[in-house]
Amino acid sequence: MVLNKLAADLVAYLAPFLPYLKKTGETVATEVVKKFGEGAWERAKALWGKLSPRVAAHDQAQGAVEVLAKRPDDPRAKGAVELQLEEILAADPGLAGEVAKLLAAAGPRATWAHLVGDGAIAQGEGAVAAGRNGIAAGRDVVIGAPRPGKPEGPREGG
């Protein structure tokens, strides 16, 4: 198991939830479920439930998480938490295995970016996109040669 990858995946999954995981109450839960969906919220709570006691036991980790909860989109804050989680997971291989299973069960998280102008968004593994007047070529595209097993198409004069 590659712990730095696991720590990065955990941070990517948990960062949007941290501001809510630090709070309690029914109104918070209702707000989060509306924003992320009930399944995602339950998985985030399960992951945080495994990690939070270990994070609370390390002052630097706790401080890094507090900063990330305030600034969930800050890559520097994410990096600080990744390093702290990597150390925590390295010290407890059993915990690393548990959270890896929980994270795998959560499935991939969709990510996207907001583009202004002539941009295009491609989302998901293997996705391809092109903006206005652009050309996007996806899997198995060969320009200038026919695909195996496919006729070349109509020819002039023939």
N, C-alpha and C. Protein backbone atom coordinates (compact mmCIF):
# COMPACT_ATOMS: atom_id res chain seq x y z
N MET A 1 0.85 -1.18 0.00
CA MET A 1 0.00 0.00 0.00
C MET A 1 0.90 1.24 0.00
N VAL A 2 0.61 2.15 -0.88
CA VAL A 2 1.38 3.39 -0.99
C VAL A 2 0.70 4.43 -0.10
N LEU A 3 1.34 4.73 1.02
CA LEU A 3 0.70 5.57 2.03
C LEU A 3 0.53 7.02 1.60
N ASN A 4 1.48 7.56 0.83
CA ASN A 4 1.31 8.95 0.40
C ASN A 4 0.12 9.09 -0.54
N LYS A 5 -0.13 8.08 -1.37
CA LYS A 5 -1.29 8.09 -2.27
C LYS A 5 -2.58 7.95 -1.46
N LEU A 6 -2.57 7.05 -0.47
CA LEU A 6 -3.74 6.88 0.38
C LEU A 6 -4.05 8.17 1.13
N ALA A 7 -3.03 8.81 1.69
CA ALA A 7 -3.23 10.07 2.42
C ALA A 7 -3.78 11.14 1.48
N ALA A 8 -3.26 11.23 0.27
CA ALA A 8 -3.75 12.22 -0.70
C ALA A 8 -5.20 11.94 -1.07
N ASP A 9 -5.54 10.67 -1.28
CA ASP A 9 -6.92 10.31 -1.61
C ASP A 9 -7.88 10.61 -0.46
N LEU A 10 -7.41 10.36 0.76
CA LEU A 10 -8.24 10.67 1.93
C LEU A 10 -8.51 12.17 2.03
N VAL A 11 -7.49 12.95 1.83
CA VAL A 11 -7.65 14.41 1.91
C VAL A 11 -8.58 14.89 0.80
N ALA A 12 -8.39 14.37 -0.41
CA ALA A 12 -9.25 14.77 -1.53
C ALA A 12 -10.71 14.44 -1.23
N TYR A 13 -10.94 13.30 -0.61
CA TYR A 13 -12.32 12.91 -0.30
C TYR A 13 -12.89 13.71 0.86
N LEU A 14 -12.09 13.87 1.92
CA LEU A 14 -12.61 14.47 3.15
C LEU A 14 -12.62 15.99 3.18
N ALA A 15 -11.75 16.64 2.42
CA ALA A 15 -11.61 18.11 2.52
C ALA A 15 -12.95 18.85 2.42
N PRO A 16 -13.81 18.53 1.45
CA PRO A 16 -15.07 19.29 1.38
C PRO A 16 -15.98 19.06 2.58
N PHE A 17 -15.80 17.92 3.26
CA PHE A 17 -16.65 17.59 4.40
C PHE A 17 -16.13 18.12 5.73
N LEU A 18 -14.84 18.43 5.81
CA LEU A 18 -14.24 18.81 7.10
C LEU A 18 -14.94 19.97 7.79
N PRO A 19 -15.34 21.02 7.08
CA PRO A 19 -16.04 22.10 7.80
C PRO A 19 -17.30 21.60 8.50
N TYR A 20 -17.94 20.59 7.94
CA TYR A 20 -19.17 20.05 8.52
C TYR A 20 -18.88 18.98 9.57
N LEU A 21 -17.82 18.20 9.36
CA LEU A 21 -17.46 17.17 10.32
C LEU A 21 -17.03 17.75 11.65
N LYS A 22 -16.56 18.99 11.63
CA LYS A 22 -16.12 19.65 12.85
C LYS A 22 -17.31 20.22 13.64
N LYS A 23 -18.47 20.29 12.99
CA LYS A 23 -19.68 20.81 13.64
C LYS A 23 -20.59 19.63 13.96
N THR A 24 -21.61 19.89 14.73
CA THR A 24 -22.62 18.86 15.01
C THR A 24 -24.00 19.49 14.91
N GLY A 25 -24.99 18.64 14.91
CA GLY A 25 -26.36 19.13 14.92
C GLY A 25 -27.13 18.69 13.70
N GLU A 26 -28.43 18.66 13.85
CA GLU A 26 -29.31 18.20 12.79
C GLU A 26 -29.31 19.15 11.60
N THR A 27 -29.24 20.47 11.84
CA THR A 27 -29.26 21.41 10.72
C THR A 27 -28.01 21.27 9.87
N VAL A 28 -26.86 20.98 10.51
CA VAL A 28 -25.62 20.77 9.76
C VAL A 28 -25.76 19.53 8.88
N ALA A 29 -26.27 18.44 9.46
CA ALA A 29 -26.43 17.20 8.70
C ALA A 29 -27.38 17.40 7.53
N THR A 30 -28.46 18.12 7.73
CA THR A 30 -29.43 18.38 6.66
C THR A 30 -28.77 19.18 5.54
N GLU A 31 -28.00 20.18 5.91
CA GLU A 31 -27.31 21.02 4.93
C GLU A 31 -26.31 20.19 4.10
N VAL A 32 -25.55 19.32 4.77
CA VAL A 32 -24.55 18.50 4.09
C VAL A 32 -25.20 17.49 3.17
N VAL A 33 -26.26 16.86 3.62
CA VAL A 33 -26.95 15.86 2.80
C VAL A 33 -27.49 16.52 1.54
N LYS A 34 -28.02 17.74 1.66
CA LYS A 34 -28.51 18.46 0.48
C LYS A 34 -27.37 18.74 -0.50
N LYS A 35 -26.21 19.09 0.03
CA LYS A 35 -25.09 19.49 -0.80
C LYS A 35 -24.37 18.30 -1.44
N PHE A 36 -24.14 17.23 -0.66
CA PHE A 36 -23.30 16.12 -1.12
C PHE A 36 -24.05 14.80 -1.32
N GLY A 37 -25.22 14.67 -0.74
CA GLY A 37 -25.95 13.41 -0.79
C GLY A 37 -25.72 12.62 0.49
N GLU A 38 -26.71 11.84 0.87
CA GLU A 38 -26.64 11.12 2.14
C GLU A 38 -25.54 10.06 2.14
N GLY A 39 -25.38 9.33 1.05
CA GLY A 39 -24.37 8.29 1.00
C GLY A 39 -22.96 8.84 1.17
N ALA A 40 -22.67 9.93 0.49
CA ALA A 40 -21.34 10.53 0.59
C ALA A 40 -21.09 11.05 2.00
N TRP A 41 -22.10 11.62 2.62
CA TRP A 41 -21.96 12.13 3.98
C TRP A 41 -21.71 10.98 4.96
N GLU A 42 -22.44 9.89 4.81
CA GLU A 42 -22.25 8.74 5.70
C GLU A 42 -20.84 8.15 5.55
N ARG A 43 -20.35 8.06 4.31
CA ARG A 43 -19.00 7.54 4.09
C ARG A 43 -17.95 8.48 4.67
N ALA A 44 -18.15 9.78 4.52
CA ALA A 44 -17.21 10.75 5.09
C ALA A 44 -17.18 10.64 6.62
N LYS A 45 -18.35 10.47 7.23
CA LYS A 45 -18.41 10.33 8.69
C LYS A 45 -17.70 9.05 9.13
N ALA A 46 -17.87 7.97 8.37
CA ALA A 46 -17.22 6.70 8.73
C ALA A 46 -15.70 6.83 8.63
N LEU A 47 -15.21 7.45 7.57
CA LEU A 47 -13.77 7.66 7.41
C LEU A 47 -13.23 8.55 8.53
N TRP A 48 -13.93 9.64 8.79
CA TRP A 48 -13.46 10.57 9.82
C TRP A 48 -13.53 9.92 11.20
N GLY A 49 -14.51 9.06 11.40
CA GLY A 49 -14.63 8.36 12.67
C GLY A 49 -13.41 7.48 12.95
N LYS A 50 -12.84 6.90 11.89
CA LYS A 50 -11.62 6.09 12.04
C LYS A 50 -10.39 6.97 12.26
N LEU A 51 -10.33 8.09 11.58
CA LEU A 51 -9.13 8.93 11.60
C LEU A 51 -9.09 9.93 12.76
N SER A 52 -10.23 10.47 13.13
CA SER A 52 -10.24 11.59 14.07
C SER A 52 -9.58 11.30 15.42
N PRO A 53 -9.73 10.11 16.02
CA PRO A 53 -9.03 9.89 17.30
C PRO A 53 -7.51 9.96 17.14
N ARG A 54 -6.98 9.46 16.04
CA ARG A 54 -5.54 9.50 15.80
C ARG A 54 -5.08 10.92 15.51
N VAL A 55 -5.89 11.66 14.76
CA VAL A 55 -5.57 13.06 14.46
C VAL A 55 -5.57 13.88 15.75
N ALA A 56 -6.56 13.65 16.60
CA ALA A 56 -6.67 14.40 17.86
C ALA A 56 -5.48 14.13 18.78
N ALA A 57 -4.86 12.98 18.63
CA ALA A 57 -3.71 12.62 19.49
C ALA A 57 -2.41 13.28 19.04
N HIS A 58 -2.41 13.93 17.89
CA HIS A 58 -1.20 14.58 17.37
C HIS A 58 -1.50 16.07 17.16
N ASP A 59 -0.83 16.91 17.92
CA ASP A 59 -1.10 18.35 17.86
C ASP A 59 -0.91 18.92 16.46
N GLN A 60 0.17 18.52 15.78
CA GLN A 60 0.41 19.06 14.44
C GLN A 60 -0.68 18.62 13.46
N ALA A 61 -1.09 17.38 13.57
CA ALA A 61 -2.16 16.88 12.69
C ALA A 61 -3.46 17.62 12.98
N GLN A 62 -3.77 17.80 14.25
CA GLN A 62 -4.99 18.51 14.64
C GLN A 62 -4.97 19.94 14.10
N GLY A 63 -3.83 20.61 14.23
CA GLY A 63 -3.71 21.98 13.71
C GLY A 63 -3.87 22.03 12.21
N ALA A 64 -3.26 21.08 11.50
CA ALA A 64 -3.38 21.05 10.04
C ALA A 64 -4.82 20.83 9.61
N VAL A 65 -5.53 19.96 10.30
CA VAL A 65 -6.93 19.70 9.98
C VAL A 65 -7.79 20.93 10.25
N GLU A 66 -7.51 21.63 11.32
CA GLU A 66 -8.26 22.85 11.63
C GLU A 66 -8.11 23.88 10.50
N VAL A 67 -6.89 24.03 10.00
CA VAL A 67 -6.66 24.96 8.89
C VAL A 67 -7.41 24.50 7.65
N LEU A 68 -7.33 23.21 7.34
CA LEU A 68 -8.02 22.68 6.15
C LEU A 68 -9.53 22.82 6.27
N ALA A 69 -10.06 22.67 7.47
CA ALA A 69 -11.51 22.84 7.67
C ALA A 69 -11.93 24.28 7.36
N LYS A 70 -11.05 25.24 7.62
CA LYS A 70 -11.35 26.64 7.32
C LYS A 70 -11.11 26.97 5.85
N ARG A 71 -10.15 26.26 5.23
CA ARG A 71 -9.78 26.55 3.84
C ARG A 71 -9.70 25.25 3.04
N PRO A 72 -10.85 24.60 2.78
CA PRO A 72 -10.84 23.27 2.16
C PRO A 72 -10.33 23.24 0.72
N ASP A 73 -10.20 24.37 0.07
CA ASP A 73 -9.69 24.40 -1.31
C ASP A 73 -8.23 24.80 -1.40
N ASP A 74 -7.60 25.07 -0.28
CA ASP A 74 -6.21 25.53 -0.26
C ASP A 74 -5.26 24.34 -0.44
N PRO A 75 -4.52 24.29 -1.54
CA PRO A 75 -3.62 23.14 -1.76
C PRO A 75 -2.52 23.02 -0.71
N ARG A 76 -2.12 24.14 -0.12
CA ARG A 76 -1.10 24.08 0.93
C ARG A 76 -1.65 23.42 2.18
N ALA A 77 -2.89 23.74 2.52
CA ALA A 77 -3.53 23.12 3.68
C ALA A 77 -3.74 21.62 3.43
N LYS A 78 -4.13 21.29 2.21
CA LYS A 78 -4.29 19.86 1.87
C LYS A 78 -2.97 19.11 2.01
N GLY A 79 -1.91 19.71 1.52
CA GLY A 79 -0.59 19.08 1.59
C GLY A 79 -0.15 18.85 3.02
N ALA A 80 -0.41 19.81 3.90
CA ALA A 80 -0.04 19.67 5.31
C ALA A 80 -0.78 18.50 5.95
N VAL A 81 -2.08 18.36 5.64
CA VAL A 81 -2.85 17.26 6.20
C VAL A 81 -2.40 15.93 5.60
N GLU A 82 -2.09 15.93 4.31
CA GLU A 82 -1.58 14.70 3.68
C GLU A 82 -0.34 14.18 4.41
N LEU A 83 0.60 15.06 4.69
CA LEU A 83 1.83 14.66 5.38
C LEU A 83 1.53 14.10 6.77
N GLN A 84 0.64 14.76 7.49
CA GLN A 84 0.28 14.30 8.83
C GLN A 84 -0.42 12.95 8.78
N LEU A 85 -1.35 12.77 7.85
CA LEU A 85 -2.05 11.50 7.72
C LEU A 85 -1.10 10.38 7.30
N GLU A 86 -0.16 10.70 6.43
CA GLU A 86 0.81 9.69 6.02
C GLU A 86 1.59 9.17 7.22
N GLU A 87 2.00 10.06 8.11
CA GLU A 87 2.73 9.64 9.31
C GLU A 87 1.84 8.82 10.24
N ILE A 88 0.60 9.23 10.40
CA ILE A 88 -0.33 8.49 11.26
C ILE A 88 -0.57 7.10 10.70
N LEU A 89 -0.78 7.01 9.39
CA LEU A 89 -1.04 5.71 8.77
C LEU A 89 0.19 4.81 8.79
N ALA A 90 1.36 5.39 8.63
CA ALA A 90 2.60 4.61 8.68
C ALA A 90 2.80 3.99 10.05
N ALA A 91 2.36 4.68 11.09
CA ALA A 91 2.52 4.19 12.46
C ALA A 91 1.49 3.11 12.81
N ASP A 92 0.43 2.99 12.00
CA ASP A 92 -0.64 2.03 12.30
C ASP A 92 -1.12 1.37 11.00
N PRO A 93 -0.42 0.31 10.54
CA PRO A 93 -0.82 -0.36 9.30
C PRO A 93 -2.25 -0.90 9.33
N GLY A 94 -2.73 -1.30 10.49
CA GLY A 94 -4.11 -1.78 10.59
C GLY A 94 -5.11 -0.69 10.26
N LEU A 95 -4.86 0.50 10.78
CA LEU A 95 -5.71 1.66 10.47
C LEU A 95 -5.64 1.98 8.98
N ALA A 96 -4.44 1.93 8.43
CA ALA A 96 -4.27 2.21 6.99
C ALA A 96 -5.10 1.25 6.16
N GLY A 97 -5.09 -0.02 6.53
CA GLY A 97 -5.89 -1.00 5.80
C GLY A 97 -7.39 -0.73 5.92
N GLU A 98 -7.83 -0.38 7.13
CA GLU A 98 -9.25 -0.09 7.35
C GLU A 98 -9.73 1.10 6.52
N VAL A 99 -8.97 2.20 6.57
CA VAL A 99 -9.41 3.39 5.84
C VAL A 99 -9.27 3.19 4.33
N ALA A 100 -8.30 2.39 3.91
CA ALA A 100 -8.18 2.09 2.48
C ALA A 100 -9.42 1.34 1.98
N LYS A 101 -9.91 0.40 2.77
CA LYS A 101 -11.12 -0.34 2.40
C LYS A 101 -12.34 0.58 2.38
N LEU A 102 -12.46 1.42 3.40
CA LEU A 102 -13.59 2.36 3.44
C LEU A 102 -13.56 3.32 2.25
N LEU A 103 -12.37 3.79 1.92
CA LEU A 103 -12.23 4.73 0.81
C LEU A 103 -12.54 4.04 -0.52
N ALA A 104 -12.08 2.81 -0.68
CA ALA A 104 -12.37 2.06 -1.90
C ALA A 104 -13.87 1.82 -2.03
N ALA A 105 -14.54 1.52 -0.92
CA ALA A 105 -15.98 1.30 -0.95
C ALA A 105 -16.74 2.58 -1.29
N ALA A 106 -16.15 3.72 -0.98
CA ALA A 106 -16.80 5.00 -1.28
C ALA A 106 -16.83 5.26 -2.77
N GLY A 107 -15.91 4.62 -3.52
CA GLY A 107 -15.87 4.81 -4.97
C GLY A 107 -15.18 6.10 -5.33
N PRO A 108 -14.99 6.31 -6.63
CA PRO A 108 -14.30 7.52 -7.06
C PRO A 108 -15.15 8.75 -6.83
N ARG A 109 -14.49 9.83 -6.49
CA ARG A 109 -15.17 11.11 -6.33
C ARG A 109 -15.04 11.88 -7.63
N ALA A 110 -16.13 12.44 -8.08
CA ALA A 110 -16.08 13.27 -9.27
C ALA A 110 -15.44 14.60 -8.92
N THR A 111 -14.61 15.09 -9.80
CA THR A 111 -14.05 16.42 -9.62
C THR A 111 -14.27 17.19 -10.91
N TRP A 112 -14.31 18.48 -10.82
CA TRP A 112 -14.51 19.30 -11.99
C TRP A 112 -13.92 20.67 -11.72
N ALA A 113 -13.83 21.43 -12.79
CA ALA A 113 -13.34 22.79 -12.67
C ALA A 113 -14.31 23.70 -13.40
N HIS A 114 -14.47 24.91 -12.91
CA HIS A 114 -15.34 25.88 -13.56
C HIS A 114 -14.49 26.68 -14.54
N LEU A 115 -14.84 26.64 -15.80
CA LEU A 115 -14.09 27.34 -16.83
C LEU A 115 -14.94 28.47 -17.38
N VAL A 116 -14.31 29.56 -17.69
CA VAL A 116 -15.00 30.71 -18.26
C VAL A 116 -14.47 30.92 -19.67
N GLY A 117 -15.36 31.17 -20.61
CA GLY A 117 -14.93 31.42 -21.98
C GLY A 117 -15.16 30.20 -22.85
N ASP A 118 -14.17 29.89 -23.66
CA ASP A 118 -14.31 28.81 -24.64
C ASP A 118 -13.82 27.47 -24.12
N GLY A 119 -13.80 27.27 -22.85
CA GLY A 119 -13.29 26.03 -22.27
C GLY A 119 -14.28 24.90 -22.41
N ALA A 120 -13.81 23.72 -22.11
CA ALA A 120 -14.65 22.53 -22.11
C ALA A 120 -14.24 21.71 -20.90
N ILE A 121 -15.15 20.93 -20.42
CA ILE A 121 -14.87 20.12 -19.24
C ILE A 121 -14.96 18.65 -19.62
N ALA A 122 -13.93 17.90 -19.28
CA ALA A 122 -13.94 16.46 -19.43
C ALA A 122 -13.83 15.87 -18.04
N GLN A 123 -14.75 15.00 -17.70
CA GLN A 123 -14.80 14.49 -16.33
C GLN A 123 -14.76 12.98 -16.35
N GLY A 124 -13.91 12.40 -15.52
CA GLY A 124 -13.84 10.95 -15.39
C GLY A 124 -12.64 10.37 -16.10
N GLU A 125 -12.35 9.13 -15.75
CA GLU A 125 -11.19 8.46 -16.31
C GLU A 125 -11.33 8.31 -17.82
N GLY A 126 -10.32 8.75 -18.55
CA GLY A 126 -10.30 8.62 -20.00
C GLY A 126 -11.14 9.66 -20.74
N ALA A 127 -11.70 10.62 -20.03
CA ALA A 127 -12.55 11.62 -20.67
C ALA A 127 -11.70 12.59 -21.49
N VAL A 128 -12.29 13.10 -22.58
CA VAL A 128 -11.60 14.02 -23.48
C VAL A 128 -12.55 15.16 -23.80
N ALA A 129 -12.03 16.38 -23.89
CA ALA A 129 -12.86 17.52 -24.25
C ALA A 129 -12.04 18.53 -25.01
N ALA A 130 -12.72 19.35 -25.81
CA ALA A 130 -12.06 20.44 -26.53
C ALA A 130 -12.99 21.64 -26.52
N GLY A 131 -12.42 22.83 -26.43
CA GLY A 131 -13.19 24.07 -26.47
C GLY A 131 -13.61 24.39 -27.90
N ARG A 132 -14.19 25.56 -28.08
CA ARG A 132 -14.67 25.98 -29.39
C ARG A 132 -13.53 25.94 -30.40
N ASN A 133 -13.80 25.41 -31.58
CA ASN A 133 -12.84 25.25 -32.67
C ASN A 133 -11.70 24.31 -32.33
N GLY A 134 -11.85 23.54 -31.28
CA GLY A 134 -10.81 22.59 -30.89
C GLY A 134 -11.12 21.21 -31.45
N ILE A 135 -10.15 20.36 -31.38
CA ILE A 135 -10.31 18.97 -31.80
C ILE A 135 -10.00 18.10 -30.60
N ALA A 136 -10.90 17.20 -30.29
CA ALA A 136 -10.67 16.27 -29.18
C ALA A 136 -10.65 14.87 -29.74
N ALA A 137 -9.63 14.14 -29.42
CA ALA A 137 -9.52 12.75 -29.87
C ALA A 137 -9.44 11.86 -28.65
N GLY A 138 -10.29 10.89 -28.60
CA GLY A 138 -10.32 9.98 -27.46
C GLY A 138 -9.61 8.67 -27.76
N ARG A 139 -9.98 7.67 -27.07
CA ARG A 139 -9.37 6.35 -27.15
C ARG A 139 -9.43 5.78 -28.56
N ASP A 140 -8.36 5.14 -28.98
CA ASP A 140 -8.27 4.40 -30.25
C ASP A 140 -8.50 5.26 -31.49
N VAL A 141 -8.21 6.52 -31.42
CA VAL A 141 -8.36 7.38 -32.59
C VAL A 141 -7.03 7.46 -33.30
N VAL A 142 -7.08 7.16 -34.61
CA VAL A 142 -5.89 7.26 -35.44
C VAL A 142 -6.25 8.18 -36.58
N ILE A 143 -5.52 9.26 -36.72
CA ILE A 143 -5.82 10.22 -37.77
C ILE A 143 -5.01 9.86 -39.01
N GLY A 144 -5.71 9.73 -40.16
CA GLY A 144 -5.03 9.47 -41.41
C GLY A 144 -4.94 8.00 -41.78
N ALA A 145 -5.48 7.12 -40.99
CA ALA A 145 -5.46 5.70 -41.32
C ALA A 145 -6.79 5.09 -40.93
N PRO A 146 -7.28 4.12 -41.71
CA PRO A 146 -8.55 3.50 -41.36
C PRO A 146 -8.38 2.62 -40.12
N ARG A 147 -9.46 2.46 -39.40
CA ARG A 147 -9.45 1.56 -38.25
C ARG A 147 -9.51 0.12 -38.75
N PRO A 148 -8.81 -0.78 -38.11
CA PRO A 148 -8.85 -2.18 -38.53
C PRO A 148 -10.27 -2.70 -38.51
N GLY A 149 -10.63 -3.43 -39.59
CA GLY A 149 -11.95 -4.02 -39.67
C GLY A 149 -13.03 -3.07 -40.12
N LYS A 150 -12.68 -1.83 -40.41
CA LYS A 150 -13.67 -0.84 -40.85
C LYS A 150 -13.35 -0.44 -42.28
N PRO A 151 -14.37 -0.35 -43.14
CA PRO A 151 -14.11 0.12 -44.51
C PRO A 151 -13.62 1.57 -44.50
N GLU A 152 -12.87 1.93 -45.49
CA GLU A 152 -12.29 3.26 -45.56
C GLU A 152 -13.33 4.34 -45.84
N GLY A 153 -14.45 3.98 -46.40
CA GLY A 153 -15.44 4.98 -46.72
C GLY A 153 -15.43 5.31 -48.22
N PRO A 154 -16.27 6.21 -48.65
CA PRO A 154 -16.38 6.52 -50.08
C PRO A 154 -15.11 7.21 -50.60
N ARG A 155 -14.80 6.89 -51.86
CA ARG A 155 -13.66 7.52 -52.52
C ARG A 155 -14.18 8.30 -53.72
N GLU A 156 -13.44 9.33 -54.08
CA GLU A 156 -13.83 10.13 -55.24
C GLU A 156 -13.58 9.34 -56.53
N GLY A 157 -14.47 9.51 -57.46
CA GLY A 157 -14.30 8.91 -58.79
C GLY A 157 -14.50 7.40 -58.82
N GLY A 158 -15.00 6.82 -57.77
CA GLY A 158 -15.06 5.38 -57.77
C GLY A 158 -16.37 4.85 -57.65
